[in-house]
Amino acid sequence: KVAVAVARTTAGVRKVINLLEVLPDEDI
């Protein structure tokens, strides 16, 4: 969520394509 929010509010970014693999906290 943080990464997407940062990217989408960065000047010049037209759109964000989220290809992140979301894992449980324990795995990270």
mmCIF file of all heavy atoms, coordinates in Angstrom:
data_MODEL
# 
_entry.id   MODEL 
# 
loop_
_atom_site.group_PDB 
_atom_site.id 
_atom_site.type_symbol 
_atom_site.label_atom_id 
_atom_site.label_alt_id 
_atom_site.label_comp_id 
_atom_site.label_asym_id 
_atom_site.label_entity_id 
_atom_site.label_seq_id 
_atom_site.pdbx_PDB_ins_code 
_atom_site.Cartn_x 
_atom_site.Cartn_y 
_atom_site.Cartn_z 
_atom_site.occupancy 
_atom_site.B_iso_or_equiv 
_atom_site.pdbx_formal_charge 
_atom_site.auth_seq_id 
_atom_site.auth_comp_id 
_atom_site.auth_asym_id 
_atom_site.auth_atom_id 
_atom_site.pdbx_PDB_model_num 
ATOM 1   N N   . LYS A 1 1  ? 0.827  -1.211  0.000   1.00 0.00 ? 1  LYS A N   1 
ATOM 2   C CA  . LYS A 1 1  ? 0.000  0.000   0.000   1.00 0.00 ? 1  LYS A CA  1 
ATOM 3   C C   . LYS A 1 1  ? 0.860  1.258   0.000   1.00 0.00 ? 1  LYS A C   1 
ATOM 4   O O   . LYS A 1 1  ? 0.566  2.225   -0.709  1.00 0.00 ? 1  LYS A O   1 
ATOM 5   C CB  . LYS A 1 1  ? -0.927 -0.006  1.221   1.00 0.00 ? 1  LYS A CB  1 
ATOM 6   C CG  . LYS A 1 1  ? -2.048 -1.021  1.102   1.00 0.00 ? 1  LYS A CG  1 
ATOM 7   C CD  . LYS A 1 1  ? -2.914 -1.044  2.342   1.00 0.00 ? 1  LYS A CD  1 
ATOM 8   C CE  . LYS A 1 1  ? -4.000 -2.103  2.202   1.00 0.00 ? 1  LYS A CE  1 
ATOM 9   N NZ  . LYS A 1 1  ? -4.754 -2.295  3.431   1.00 0.00 ? 1  LYS A NZ  1 
ATOM 10  N N   . VAL A 1 2  ? 1.935  1.240   0.790   1.00 0.00 ? 2  VAL A N   1 
ATOM 11  C CA  . VAL A 1 2  ? 2.832  2.393   0.847   1.00 0.00 ? 2  VAL A CA  1 
ATOM 12  C C   . VAL A 1 2  ? 3.488  2.617   -0.519  1.00 0.00 ? 2  VAL A C   1 
ATOM 13  O O   . VAL A 1 2  ? 3.529  3.733   -1.037  1.00 0.00 ? 2  VAL A O   1 
ATOM 14  C CB  . VAL A 1 2  ? 3.915  2.208   1.939   1.00 0.00 ? 2  VAL A CB  1 
ATOM 15  C CG1 . VAL A 1 2  ? 5.015  3.257   1.812   1.00 0.00 ? 2  VAL A CG1 1 
ATOM 16  C CG2 . VAL A 1 2  ? 3.291  2.251   3.323   1.00 0.00 ? 2  VAL A CG2 1 
ATOM 17  N N   . ALA A 1 3  ? 3.991  1.537   -1.116  1.00 0.00 ? 3  ALA A N   1 
ATOM 18  C CA  . ALA A 1 3  ? 4.682  1.645   -2.412  1.00 0.00 ? 3  ALA A CA  1 
ATOM 19  C C   . ALA A 1 3  ? 3.752  2.203   -3.485  1.00 0.00 ? 3  ALA A C   1 
ATOM 20  O O   . ALA A 1 3  ? 4.139  3.091   -4.250  1.00 0.00 ? 3  ALA A O   1 
ATOM 21  C CB  . ALA A 1 3  ? 5.230  0.285   -2.829  1.00 0.00 ? 3  ALA A CB  1 
ATOM 22  N N   . VAL A 1 4  ? 2.538  1.698   -3.529  1.00 0.00 ? 4  VAL A N   1 
ATOM 23  C CA  . VAL A 1 4  ? 1.574  2.177   -4.525  1.00 0.00 ? 4  VAL A CA  1 
ATOM 24  C C   . VAL A 1 4  ? 1.237  3.647   -4.268  1.00 0.00 ? 4  VAL A C   1 
ATOM 25  O O   . VAL A 1 4  ? 1.197  4.456   -5.199  1.00 0.00 ? 4  VAL A O   1 
ATOM 26  C CB  . VAL A 1 4  ? 0.307  1.295   -4.541  1.00 0.00 ? 4  VAL A CB  1 
ATOM 27  C CG1 . VAL A 1 4  ? -0.803 1.939   -5.354  1.00 0.00 ? 4  VAL A CG1 1 
ATOM 28  C CG2 . VAL A 1 4  ? 0.637  -0.102  -5.080  1.00 0.00 ? 4  VAL A CG2 1 
ATOM 29  N N   . ALA A 1 5  ? 1.024  4.003   -2.995  1.00 0.00 ? 5  ALA A N   1 
ATOM 30  C CA  . ALA A 1 5  ? 0.695  5.396   -2.661  1.00 0.00 ? 5  ALA A CA  1 
ATOM 31  C C   . ALA A 1 5  ? 1.842  6.335   -3.032  1.00 0.00 ? 5  ALA A C   1 
ATOM 32  O O   . ALA A 1 5  ? 1.614  7.421   -3.584  1.00 0.00 ? 5  ALA A O   1 
ATOM 33  C CB  . ALA A 1 5  ? 0.369  5.516   -1.170  1.00 0.00 ? 5  ALA A CB  1 
ATOM 34  N N   . VAL A 1 6  ? 3.068  5.916   -2.758  1.00 0.00 ? 6  VAL A N   1 
ATOM 35  C CA  . VAL A 1 6  ? 4.232  6.744   -3.097  1.00 0.00 ? 6  VAL A CA  1 
ATOM 36  C C   . VAL A 1 6  ? 4.322  6.915   -4.610  1.00 0.00 ? 6  VAL A C   1 
ATOM 37  O O   . VAL A 1 6  ? 4.482  8.023   -5.123  1.00 0.00 ? 6  VAL A O   1 
ATOM 38  C CB  . VAL A 1 6  ? 5.531  6.123   -2.525  1.00 0.00 ? 6  VAL A CB  1 
ATOM 39  C CG1 . VAL A 1 6  ? 6.767  6.749   -3.164  1.00 0.00 ? 6  VAL A CG1 1 
ATOM 40  C CG2 . VAL A 1 6  ? 5.577  6.287   -1.013  1.00 0.00 ? 6  VAL A CG2 1 
ATOM 41  N N   . ALA A 1 7  ? 4.210  5.808   -5.337  1.00 0.00 ? 7  ALA A N   1 
ATOM 42  C CA  . ALA A 1 7  ? 4.352  5.870   -6.798  1.00 0.00 ? 7  ALA A CA  1 
ATOM 43  C C   . ALA A 1 7  ? 3.262  6.724   -7.427  1.00 0.00 ? 7  ALA A C   1 
ATOM 44  O O   . ALA A 1 7  ? 3.539  7.565   -8.287  1.00 0.00 ? 7  ALA A O   1 
ATOM 45  C CB  . ALA A 1 7  ? 4.340  4.462   -7.393  1.00 0.00 ? 7  ALA A CB  1 
ATOM 46  N N   . ARG A 1 8  ? 2.033  6.549   -6.983  1.00 0.00 ? 8  ARG A N   1 
ATOM 47  C CA  . ARG A 1 8  ? 0.930  7.251   -7.649  1.00 0.00 ? 8  ARG A CA  1 
ATOM 48  C C   . ARG A 1 8  ? 0.901  8.743   -7.348  1.00 0.00 ? 8  ARG A C   1 
ATOM 49  O O   . ARG A 1 8  ? 0.234  9.509   -8.038  1.00 0.00 ? 8  ARG A O   1 
ATOM 50  C CB  . ARG A 1 8  ? -0.411 6.600   -7.334  1.00 0.00 ? 8  ARG A CB  1 
ATOM 51  C CG  . ARG A 1 8  ? -0.879 6.773   -5.915  1.00 0.00 ? 8  ARG A CG  1 
ATOM 52  C CD  . ARG A 1 8  ? -2.098 5.953   -5.604  1.00 0.00 ? 8  ARG A CD  1 
ATOM 53  N NE  . ARG A 1 8  ? -3.166 6.230   -6.538  1.00 0.00 ? 8  ARG A NE  1 
ATOM 54  C CZ  . ARG A 1 8  ? -4.438 6.288   -6.240  1.00 0.00 ? 8  ARG A CZ  1 
ATOM 55  N NH1 . ARG A 1 8  ? -4.823 6.064   -5.008  1.00 0.00 ? 8  ARG A NH1 1 
ATOM 56  N NH2 . ARG A 1 8  ? -5.347 6.562   -7.140  1.00 0.00 ? 8  ARG A NH2 1 
ATOM 57  N N   . THR A 1 9  ? 1.629  9.168   -6.312  1.00 0.00 ? 9  THR A N   1 
ATOM 58  C CA  . THR A 1 9  ? 1.680  10.596  -5.984  1.00 0.00 ? 9  THR A CA  1 
ATOM 59  C C   . THR A 1 9  ? 3.007  11.223  -6.394  1.00 0.00 ? 9  THR A C   1 
ATOM 60  O O   . THR A 1 9  ? 3.319  12.340  -5.986  1.00 0.00 ? 9  THR A O   1 
ATOM 61  C CB  . THR A 1 9  ? 1.441  10.815  -4.472  1.00 0.00 ? 9  THR A CB  1 
ATOM 62  O OG1 . THR A 1 9  ? 2.426  10.085  -3.730  1.00 0.00 ? 9  THR A OG1 1 
ATOM 63  C CG2 . THR A 1 9  ? 0.041  10.371  -4.066  1.00 0.00 ? 9  THR A CG2 1 
ATOM 64  N N   . THR A 1 10 ? 3.795  10.513  -7.193  1.00 0.00 ? 10 THR A N   1 
ATOM 65  C CA  . THR A 1 10 ? 5.068  11.053  -7.677  1.00 0.00 ? 10 THR A CA  1 
ATOM 66  C C   . THR A 1 10 ? 4.818  11.820  -8.976  1.00 0.00 ? 10 THR A C   1 
ATOM 67  O O   . THR A 1 10 ? 4.162  11.320  -9.881  1.00 0.00 ? 10 THR A O   1 
ATOM 68  C CB  . THR A 1 10 ? 6.078  9.905   -7.919  1.00 0.00 ? 10 THR A CB  1 
ATOM 69  O OG1 . THR A 1 10 ? 6.309  9.223   -6.676  1.00 0.00 ? 10 THR A OG1 1 
ATOM 70  C CG2 . THR A 1 10 ? 7.401  10.447  -8.447  1.00 0.00 ? 10 THR A CG2 1 
ATOM 71  N N   . ALA A 1 11 ? 5.345  13.021  -9.034  1.00 0.00 ? 11 ALA A N   1 
ATOM 72  C CA  . ALA A 1 11 ? 5.165  13.865  -10.220 1.00 0.00 ? 11 ALA A CA  1 
ATOM 73  C C   . ALA A 1 11 ? 5.661  13.141  -11.468 1.00 0.00 ? 11 ALA A C   1 
ATOM 74  O O   . ALA A 1 11 ? 6.743  12.551  -11.465 1.00 0.00 ? 11 ALA A O   1 
ATOM 75  C CB  . ALA A 1 11 ? 5.914  15.181  -10.046 1.00 0.00 ? 11 ALA A CB  1 
ATOM 76  N N   . GLY A 1 12 ? 4.841  13.181  -12.513 1.00 0.00 ? 12 GLY A N   1 
ATOM 77  C CA  . GLY A 1 12 ? 5.209  12.573  -13.782 1.00 0.00 ? 12 GLY A CA  1 
ATOM 78  C C   . GLY A 1 12 ? 4.639  11.185  -14.006 1.00 0.00 ? 12 GLY A C   1 
ATOM 79  O O   . GLY A 1 12 ? 4.595  10.703  -15.138 1.00 0.00 ? 12 GLY A O   1 
ATOM 80  N N   . VAL A 1 13 ? 4.209  10.529  -12.945 1.00 0.00 ? 13 VAL A N   1 
ATOM 81  C CA  . VAL A 1 13 ? 3.646  9.179   -13.078 1.00 0.00 ? 13 VAL A CA  1 
ATOM 82  C C   . VAL A 1 13 ? 2.216  9.289   -13.602 1.00 0.00 ? 13 VAL A C   1 
ATOM 83  O O   . VAL A 1 13 ? 1.361  9.914   -12.979 1.00 0.00 ? 13 VAL A O   1 
ATOM 84  C CB  . VAL A 1 13 ? 3.671  8.417   -11.733 1.00 0.00 ? 13 VAL A CB  1 
ATOM 85  C CG1 . VAL A 1 13 ? 2.941  7.090   -11.847 1.00 0.00 ? 13 VAL A CG1 1 
ATOM 86  C CG2 . VAL A 1 13 ? 5.106  8.207   -11.267 1.00 0.00 ? 13 VAL A CG2 1 
ATOM 87  N N   . ARG A 1 14 ? 1.952  8.709   -14.779 1.00 0.00 ? 14 ARG A N   1 
ATOM 88  C CA  . ARG A 1 14 ? 0.617  8.716   -15.377 1.00 0.00 ? 14 ARG A CA  1 
ATOM 89  C C   . ARG A 1 14 ? -0.278 7.663   -14.747 1.00 0.00 ? 14 ARG A C   1 
ATOM 90  O O   . ARG A 1 14 ? -1.463 7.881   -14.546 1.00 0.00 ? 14 ARG A O   1 
ATOM 91  C CB  . ARG A 1 14 ? 0.695  8.418   -16.883 1.00 0.00 ? 14 ARG A CB  1 
ATOM 92  C CG  . ARG A 1 14 ? 1.112  9.511   -17.770 1.00 0.00 ? 14 ARG A CG  1 
ATOM 93  C CD  . ARG A 1 14 ? 0.940  9.144   -19.248 1.00 0.00 ? 14 ARG A CD  1 
ATOM 94  N NE  . ARG A 1 14 ? 1.480  7.834   -19.633 1.00 0.00 ? 14 ARG A NE  1 
ATOM 95  C CZ  . ARG A 1 14 ? 0.746  6.732   -19.843 1.00 0.00 ? 14 ARG A CZ  1 
ATOM 96  N NH1 . ARG A 1 14 ? -0.544 6.738   -19.720 1.00 0.00 ? 14 ARG A NH1 1 
ATOM 97  N NH2 . ARG A 1 14 ? 1.334  5.593   -20.200 1.00 0.00 ? 14 ARG A NH2 1 
ATOM 98  N N   . LYS A 1 15 ? 0.286  6.478   -14.506 1.00 0.00 ? 15 LYS A N   1 
ATOM 99  C CA  . LYS A 1 15 ? -0.460 5.410   -13.843 1.00 0.00 ? 15 LYS A CA  1 
ATOM 100 C C   . LYS A 1 15 ? 0.529  4.451   -13.220 1.00 0.00 ? 15 LYS A C   1 
ATOM 101 O O   . LYS A 1 15 ? 1.710  4.426   -13.573 1.00 0.00 ? 15 LYS A O   1 
ATOM 102 C CB  . LYS A 1 15 ? -1.384 4.682   -14.814 1.00 0.00 ? 15 LYS A CB  1 
ATOM 103 C CG  . LYS A 1 15 ? -0.690 3.862   -15.881 1.00 0.00 ? 15 LYS A CG  1 
ATOM 104 C CD  . LYS A 1 15 ? -1.715 3.130   -16.747 1.00 0.00 ? 15 LYS A CD  1 
ATOM 105 C CE  . LYS A 1 15 ? -1.016 2.403   -17.896 1.00 0.00 ? 15 LYS A CE  1 
ATOM 106 N NZ  . LYS A 1 15 ? -1.972 1.664   -18.719 1.00 0.00 ? 15 LYS A NZ  1 
ATOM 107 N N   . VAL A 1 16 ? 0.048  3.647   -12.273 1.00 0.00 ? 16 VAL A N   1 
ATOM 108 C CA  . VAL A 1 16 ? 0.866  2.672   -11.567 1.00 0.00 ? 16 VAL A CA  1 
ATOM 109 C C   . VAL A 1 16 ? 0.332  1.287   -11.889 1.00 0.00 ? 16 VAL A C   1 
ATOM 110 O O   . VAL A 1 16 ? -0.873 1.047   -11.817 1.00 0.00 ? 16 VAL A O   1 
ATOM 111 C CB  . VAL A 1 16 ? 0.831  2.908   -10.037 1.00 0.00 ? 16 VAL A CB  1 
ATOM 112 C CG1 . VAL A 1 16 ? 1.600  1.824   -9.291  1.00 0.00 ? 16 VAL A CG1 1 
ATOM 113 C CG2 . VAL A 1 16 ? 1.375  4.287   -9.709  1.00 0.00 ? 16 VAL A CG2 1 
ATOM 114 N N   . ILE A 1 17 ? 1.232  0.390   -12.267 1.00 0.00 ? 17 ILE A N   1 
ATOM 115 C CA  . ILE A 1 17 ? 0.858  -1.010  -12.506 1.00 0.00 ? 17 ILE A CA  1 
ATOM 116 C C   . ILE A 1 17 ? 1.498  -1.819  -11.397 1.00 0.00 ? 17 ILE A C   1 
ATOM 117 O O   . ILE A 1 17 ? 2.730  -1.921  -11.305 1.00 0.00 ? 17 ILE A O   1 
ATOM 118 C CB  . ILE A 1 17 ? 1.306  -1.509  -13.904 1.00 0.00 ? 17 ILE A CB  1 
ATOM 119 C CG1 . ILE A 1 17 ? 0.585  -0.728  -15.013 1.00 0.00 ? 17 ILE A CG1 1 
ATOM 120 C CG2 . ILE A 1 17 ? 0.989  -2.992  -14.055 1.00 0.00 ? 17 ILE A CG2 1 
ATOM 121 C CD1 . ILE A 1 17 ? 1.257  0.492   -15.447 1.00 0.00 ? 17 ILE A CD1 1 
ATOM 122 N N   . ASN A 1 18 ? 0.673  -2.373  -10.533 1.00 0.00 ? 18 ASN A N   1 
ATOM 123 C CA  . ASN A 1 18 ? 1.119  -3.083  -9.343  1.00 0.00 ? 18 ASN A CA  1 
ATOM 124 C C   . ASN A 1 18 ? 1.355  -4.554  -9.682  1.00 0.00 ? 18 ASN A C   1 
ATOM 125 O O   . ASN A 1 18 ? 0.414  -5.314  -9.856  1.00 0.00 ? 18 ASN A O   1 
ATOM 126 C CB  . ASN A 1 18 ? 0.059  -2.924  -8.245  1.00 0.00 ? 18 ASN A CB  1 
ATOM 127 C CG  . ASN A 1 18 ? 0.441  -3.622  -6.966  1.00 0.00 ? 18 ASN A CG  1 
ATOM 128 O OD1 . ASN A 1 18 ? 1.465  -4.290  -6.874  1.00 0.00 ? 18 ASN A OD1 1 
ATOM 129 N ND2 . ASN A 1 18 ? -0.395 -3.463  -5.960  1.00 0.00 ? 18 ASN A ND2 1 
ATOM 130 N N   . LEU A 1 19 ? 2.628  -4.948  -9.739  1.00 0.00 ? 19 LEU A N   1 
ATOM 131 C CA  . LEU A 1 19 ? 3.004  -6.341  -9.969  1.00 0.00 ? 19 LEU A CA  1 
ATOM 132 C C   . LEU A 1 19 ? 3.681  -6.922  -8.725  1.00 0.00 ? 19 LEU A C   1 
ATOM 133 O O   . LEU A 1 19 ? 4.379  -7.924  -8.799  1.00 0.00 ? 19 LEU A O   1 
ATOM 134 C CB  . LEU A 1 19 ? 3.955  -6.447  -11.168 1.00 0.00 ? 19 LEU A CB  1 
ATOM 135 C CG  . LEU A 1 19 ? 3.454  -5.886  -12.493 1.00 0.00 ? 19 LEU A CG  1 
ATOM 136 C CD1 . LEU A 1 19 ? 4.526  -6.013  -13.574 1.00 0.00 ? 19 LEU A CD1 1 
ATOM 137 C CD2 . LEU A 1 19 ? 2.180  -6.575  -12.931 1.00 0.00 ? 19 LEU A CD2 1 
ATOM 138 N N   . LEU A 1 20 ? 3.463  -6.285  -7.586  1.00 0.00 ? 20 LEU A N   1 
ATOM 139 C CA  . LEU A 1 20 ? 4.089  -6.717  -6.336  1.00 0.00 ? 20 LEU A CA  1 
ATOM 140 C C   . LEU A 1 20 ? 3.525  -8.065  -5.884  1.00 0.00 ? 20 LEU A C   1 
ATOM 141 O O   . LEU A 1 20 ? 2.333  -8.322  -6.027  1.00 0.00 ? 20 LEU A O   1 
ATOM 142 C CB  . LEU A 1 20 ? 3.854  -5.681  -5.239  1.00 0.00 ? 20 LEU A CB  1 
ATOM 143 C CG  . LEU A 1 20 ? 4.490  -4.311  -5.466  1.00 0.00 ? 20 LEU A CG  1 
ATOM 144 C CD1 . LEU A 1 20 ? 3.921  -3.290  -4.503  1.00 0.00 ? 20 LEU A CD1 1 
ATOM 145 C CD2 . LEU A 1 20 ? 6.003  -4.405  -5.337  1.00 0.00 ? 20 LEU A CD2 1 
ATOM 146 N N   . GLU A 1 21 ? 4.393  -8.892  -5.316  1.00 0.00 ? 21 GLU A N   1 
ATOM 147 C CA  . GLU A 1 21 ? 3.960  -10.144 -4.696  1.00 0.00 ? 21 GLU A CA  1 
ATOM 148 C C   . GLU A 1 21 ? 3.783  -9.859  -3.215  1.00 0.00 ? 21 GLU A C   1 
ATOM 149 O O   . GLU A 1 21 ? 4.745  -9.529  -2.522  1.00 0.00 ? 21 GLU A O   1 
ATOM 150 C CB  . GLU A 1 21 ? 5.004  -11.240 -4.882  1.00 0.00 ? 21 GLU A CB  1 
ATOM 151 C CG  . GLU A 1 21 ? 5.078  -11.781 -6.285  1.00 0.00 ? 21 GLU A CG  1 
ATOM 152 C CD  . GLU A 1 21 ? 6.058  -12.939 -6.371  1.00 0.00 ? 21 GLU A CD  1 
ATOM 153 O OE1 . GLU A 1 21 ? 5.698  -14.068 -5.988  1.00 0.00 ? 21 GLU A OE1 1 
ATOM 154 O OE2 . GLU A 1 21 ? 7.192  -12.678 -6.808  1.00 0.00 ? 21 GLU A OE2 1 
ATOM 155 N N   . VAL A 1 22 ? 2.567  -9.983  -2.737  1.00 0.00 ? 22 VAL A N   1 
ATOM 156 C CA  . VAL A 1 22 ? 2.268  -9.694  -1.337  1.00 0.00 ? 22 VAL A CA  1 
ATOM 157 C C   . VAL A 1 22 ? 2.329  -11.011 -0.549  1.00 0.00 ? 22 VAL A C   1 
ATOM 158 O O   . VAL A 1 22 ? 1.629  -11.966 -0.861  1.00 0.00 ? 22 VAL A O   1 
ATOM 159 C CB  . VAL A 1 22 ? 0.887  -9.027  -1.190  1.00 0.00 ? 22 VAL A CB  1 
ATOM 160 C CG1 . VAL A 1 22 ? 0.564  -8.780  0.278   1.00 0.00 ? 22 VAL A CG1 1 
ATOM 161 C CG2 . VAL A 1 22 ? 0.860  -7.721  -1.978  1.00 0.00 ? 22 VAL A CG2 1 
ATOM 162 N N   . LEU A 1 23 ? 3.205  -11.018 0.458   1.00 0.00 ? 23 LEU A N   1 
ATOM 163 C CA  . LEU A 1 23 ? 3.398  -12.187 1.301   1.00 0.00 ? 23 LEU A CA  1 
ATOM 164 C C   . LEU A 1 23 ? 2.999  -11.858 2.737   1.00 0.00 ? 23 LEU A C   1 
ATOM 165 O O   . LEU A 1 23 ? 3.020  -10.690 3.137   1.00 0.00 ? 23 LEU A O   1 
ATOM 166 C CB  . LEU A 1 23 ? 4.869  -12.617 1.279   1.00 0.00 ? 23 LEU A CB  1 
ATOM 167 C CG  . LEU A 1 23 ? 5.471  -12.980 -0.078  1.00 0.00 ? 23 LEU A CG  1 
ATOM 168 C CD1 . LEU A 1 23 ? 6.961  -13.266 0.060   1.00 0.00 ? 23 LEU A CD1 1 
ATOM 169 C CD2 . LEU A 1 23 ? 4.762  -14.172 -0.686  1.00 0.00 ? 23 LEU A CD2 1 
ATOM 170 N N   . PRO A 1 24 ? 2.690  -12.879 3.534   1.00 0.00 ? 24 PRO A N   1 
ATOM 171 C CA  . PRO A 1 24 ? 2.393  -12.634 4.954   1.00 0.00 ? 24 PRO A CA  1 
ATOM 172 C C   . PRO A 1 24 ? 3.606  -12.034 5.662   1.00 0.00 ? 24 PRO A C   1 
ATOM 173 O O   . PRO A 1 24 ? 4.758  -12.273 5.266   1.00 0.00 ? 24 PRO A O   1 
ATOM 174 C CB  . PRO A 1 24 ? 2.083  -14.032 5.505   1.00 0.00 ? 24 PRO A CB  1 
ATOM 175 C CG  . PRO A 1 24 ? 1.750  -14.874 4.318   1.00 0.00 ? 24 PRO A CG  1 
ATOM 176 C CD  . PRO A 1 24 ? 2.523  -14.285 3.168   1.00 0.00 ? 24 PRO A CD  1 
ATOM 177 N N   . ASP A 1 25 ? 3.348  -11.268 6.735   1.00 0.00 ? 25 ASP A N   1 
ATOM 178 C CA  . ASP A 1 25 ? 4.420  -10.616 7.493   1.00 0.00 ? 25 ASP A CA  1 
ATOM 179 C C   . ASP A 1 25 ? 5.497  -11.601 7.923   1.00 0.00 ? 25 ASP A C   1 
ATOM 180 O O   . ASP A 1 25 ? 6.685  -11.295 7.864   1.00 0.00 ? 25 ASP A O   1 
ATOM 181 C CB  . ASP A 1 25 ? 3.852  -9.918  8.737   1.00 0.00 ? 25 ASP A CB  1 
ATOM 182 C CG  . ASP A 1 25 ? 3.016  -8.711  8.392   1.00 0.00 ? 25 ASP A CG  1 
ATOM 183 O OD1 . ASP A 1 25 ? 3.139  -8.188  7.258   1.00 0.00 ? 25 ASP A OD1 1 
ATOM 184 O OD2 . ASP A 1 25 ? 2.229  -8.266  9.253   1.00 0.00 ? 25 ASP A OD2 1 
ATOM 185 N N   . GLU A 1 26 ? 5.089  -12.794 8.366   1.00 0.00 ? 26 GLU A N   1 
ATOM 186 C CA  . GLU A 1 26 ? 6.055  -13.790 8.854   1.00 0.00 ? 26 GLU A CA  1 
ATOM 187 C C   . GLU A 1 26 ? 7.025  -14.177 7.735   1.00 0.00 ? 26 GLU A C   1 
ATOM 188 O O   . GLU A 1 26 ? 8.217  -14.355 7.978   1.00 0.00 ? 26 GLU A O   1 
ATOM 189 C CB  . GLU A 1 26 ? 5.366  -15.066 9.361   1.00 0.00 ? 26 GLU A CB  1 
ATOM 190 C CG  . GLU A 1 26 ? 4.240  -14.871 10.346  1.00 0.00 ? 26 GLU A CG  1 
ATOM 191 C CD  . GLU A 1 26 ? 2.916  -14.453 9.676   1.00 0.00 ? 26 GLU A CD  1 
ATOM 192 O OE1 . GLU A 1 26 ? 2.430  -15.148 8.757   1.00 0.00 ? 26 GLU A OE1 1 
ATOM 193 O OE2 . GLU A 1 26 ? 2.382  -13.412 10.092  1.00 0.00 ? 26 GLU A OE2 1 
ATOM 194 N N   . ASP A 1 27 ? 6.517  -14.333 6.522   1.00 0.00 ? 27 ASP A N   1 
ATOM 195 C CA  . ASP A 1 27 ? 7.378  -14.707 5.398   1.00 0.00 ? 27 ASP A CA  1 
ATOM 196 C C   . ASP A 1 27 ? 8.362  -13.589 5.072   1.00 0.00 ? 27 ASP A C   1 
ATOM 197 O O   . ASP A 1 27 ? 9.535  -13.848 4.782   1.00 0.00 ? 27 ASP A O   1 
ATOM 198 C CB  . ASP A 1 27 ? 6.544  -15.035 4.155   1.00 0.00 ? 27 ASP A CB  1 
ATOM 199 C CG  . ASP A 1 27 ? 5.756  -16.332 4.292   1.00 0.00 ? 27 ASP A CG  1 
ATOM 200 O OD1 . ASP A 1 27 ? 5.955  -17.062 5.293   1.00 0.00 ? 27 ASP A OD1 1 
ATOM 201 O OD2 . ASP A 1 27 ? 4.942  -16.620 3.399   1.00 0.00 ? 27 ASP A OD2 1 
ATOM 202 N N   . ILE A 1 28 ? 7.897  -12.348 5.102   1.00 0.00 ? 28 ILE A N   1 
ATOM 203 C CA  . ILE A 1 28 ? 8.783  -11.212 4.831   1.00 0.00 ? 28 ILE A CA  1 
ATOM 204 C C   . ILE A 1 28 ? 9.873  -11.140 5.896   1.00 0.00 ? 28 ILE A C   1 
ATOM 205 O O   . ILE A 1 28 ? 11.049 -10.943 5.582   1.00 0.00 ? 28 ILE A O   1 
ATOM 206 C CB  . ILE A 1 28 ? 7.993  -9.883  4.768   1.00 0.00 ? 28 ILE A CB  1 
ATOM 207 C CG1 . ILE A 1 28 ? 7.028  -9.890  3.578   1.00 0.00 ? 28 ILE A CG1 1 
ATOM 208 C CG2 . ILE A 1 28 ? 8.930  -8.678  4.713   1.00 0.00 ? 28 ILE A CG2 1 
ATOM 209 C CD1 . ILE A 1 28 ? 7.688  -9.904  2.209   1.00 0.00 ? 28 ILE A CD1 1 
# 
